[in-house]
């Protein structure tokens, strides 16, 4: 049982979290910073990513092979022609 005031996400009685990657390229740098984390939903992962970036930074949130959020460019890095240069 979770502590008082703590919400625990459960599916069929089993606690469920997904693994995410938050990829950030700071406006002063070309090298990405990649955070690996677990969250209960895409929304929670996106909120975490938004708390880590500043104006002008590029950011993407990935759940497995799915890009669930992107800000700062029109196509996800992994699909971009220069993805190998960024990663």
Protein backbone atom coordinates (compact mmCIF):
# COMPACT_ATOMS: atom_id res chain seq x y z
CA UNK A 1 0.00 0.00 0.00
CA UNK A 2 1.42 3.41 -0.95
CA UNK A 3 1.99 6.10 1.64
CA UNK A 4 -0.86 8.50 2.44
CA UNK A 5 -1.31 10.99 -0.39
CA UNK A 6 0.79 8.97 -2.87
CA UNK A 7 -0.95 7.72 -5.99
CA UNK A 8 0.15 4.36 -7.36
CA UNK A 9 -0.77 3.42 -10.94
CA UNK A 10 -2.09 -0.15 -11.12
CA UNK A 11 -3.39 -2.31 -13.96
CA UNK A 12 -5.19 -5.49 -12.86
CA UNK A 13 -3.70 -5.07 -9.40
CA UNK A 14 -0.11 -4.81 -10.65
CA UNK A 15 1.91 -1.61 -10.30
CA UNK A 16 2.76 -0.35 -13.80
CA UNK A 17 5.44 2.06 -14.99
CA UNK A 18 7.00 2.54 -18.41
CA UNK A 19 10.64 3.24 -19.24
CA UNK A 20 11.33 6.57 -20.98
CA UNK A 21 14.26 8.41 -22.48
CA UNK A 22 14.30 12.18 -22.30
CA UNK A 23 16.70 13.58 -24.92
CA UNK A 24 17.75 17.21 -24.56
CA UNK A 25 20.07 19.33 -26.70
CA UNK A 26 20.86 22.55 -24.86
CA UNK A 27 20.88 25.70 -26.97
CA UNK A 28 24.61 26.22 -26.21
CA UNK A 29 25.59 22.65 -27.10
CA UNK A 30 25.21 20.20 -29.97
CA UNK A 31 25.69 17.06 -27.87
CA UNK A 32 22.46 15.57 -26.47
CA UNK A 33 21.95 14.78 -22.80
CA UNK A 34 19.91 11.60 -22.39
CA UNK A 35 17.99 10.85 -19.19
CA UNK A 36 16.65 7.34 -18.60
CA UNK A 37 13.69 7.25 -16.23
CA UNK A 38 10.45 5.46 -15.35
CA UNK A 39 7.04 7.12 -15.17
CA UNK A 40 3.43 6.03 -14.79
CA UNK A 41 2.29 7.81 -17.98
CA UNK A 42 3.38 9.75 -21.03
CA UNK A 43 2.01 12.88 -19.38
CA UNK A 44 4.23 12.39 -16.32
CA UNK A 45 7.32 11.87 -18.49
CA UNK A 46 6.52 14.96 -20.58
CA UNK A 47 6.07 17.08 -17.45
CA UNK A 48 9.45 15.88 -16.18
CA UNK A 49 11.08 16.76 -19.50
CA UNK A 50 9.51 20.23 -19.43
CA UNK A 51 10.99 20.80 -15.97
CA UNK A 52 14.50 20.04 -17.28
CA UNK A 53 14.61 22.35 -20.32
CA UNK A 54 15.04 26.06 -20.90
CA UNK A 55 13.81 28.22 -23.77
CA UNK A 56 15.66 27.34 -26.96
CA UNK A 57 16.50 23.75 -25.97
CA UNK A 58 15.47 20.84 -28.16
CA UNK A 59 13.69 18.03 -26.30
CA UNK A 60 12.12 14.68 -27.08
CA UNK A 61 10.48 12.08 -24.86
CA UNK A 62 10.64 8.46 -26.03
CA UNK A 63 8.74 5.42 -24.73
CA UNK A 64 10.51 2.53 -26.42
CA UNK A 65 10.49 3.23 -30.15
CA UNK A 66 7.66 5.78 -29.90
CA UNK A 67 8.39 9.48 -29.69
CA UNK A 68 5.60 10.76 -27.41
CA UNK A 69 6.73 14.41 -27.28
CA UNK A 70 9.00 16.69 -29.29
CA UNK A 71 9.71 20.39 -28.96
CA UNK A 72 12.12 22.54 -30.90
CA UNK A 73 12.26 20.82 -34.29
CA UNK A 74 9.79 19.33 -36.72
CA UNK A 75 10.87 15.68 -36.79
CA UNK A 76 12.25 13.33 -34.12
CA UNK A 77 16.04 12.89 -34.06
CA UNK A 78 15.94 9.18 -34.78
CA UNK A 79 14.08 9.84 -38.04
CA UNK A 80 16.19 12.82 -38.97
CA UNK A 81 18.92 12.52 -41.64
CA UNK A 82 21.59 13.67 -39.19
CA UNK A 83 20.44 11.44 -36.29
CA UNK A 84 23.72 9.56 -36.24
CA UNK A 85 25.56 12.86 -35.74
CA UNK A 86 23.33 13.83 -32.79
CA UNK A 87 23.35 10.46 -31.07
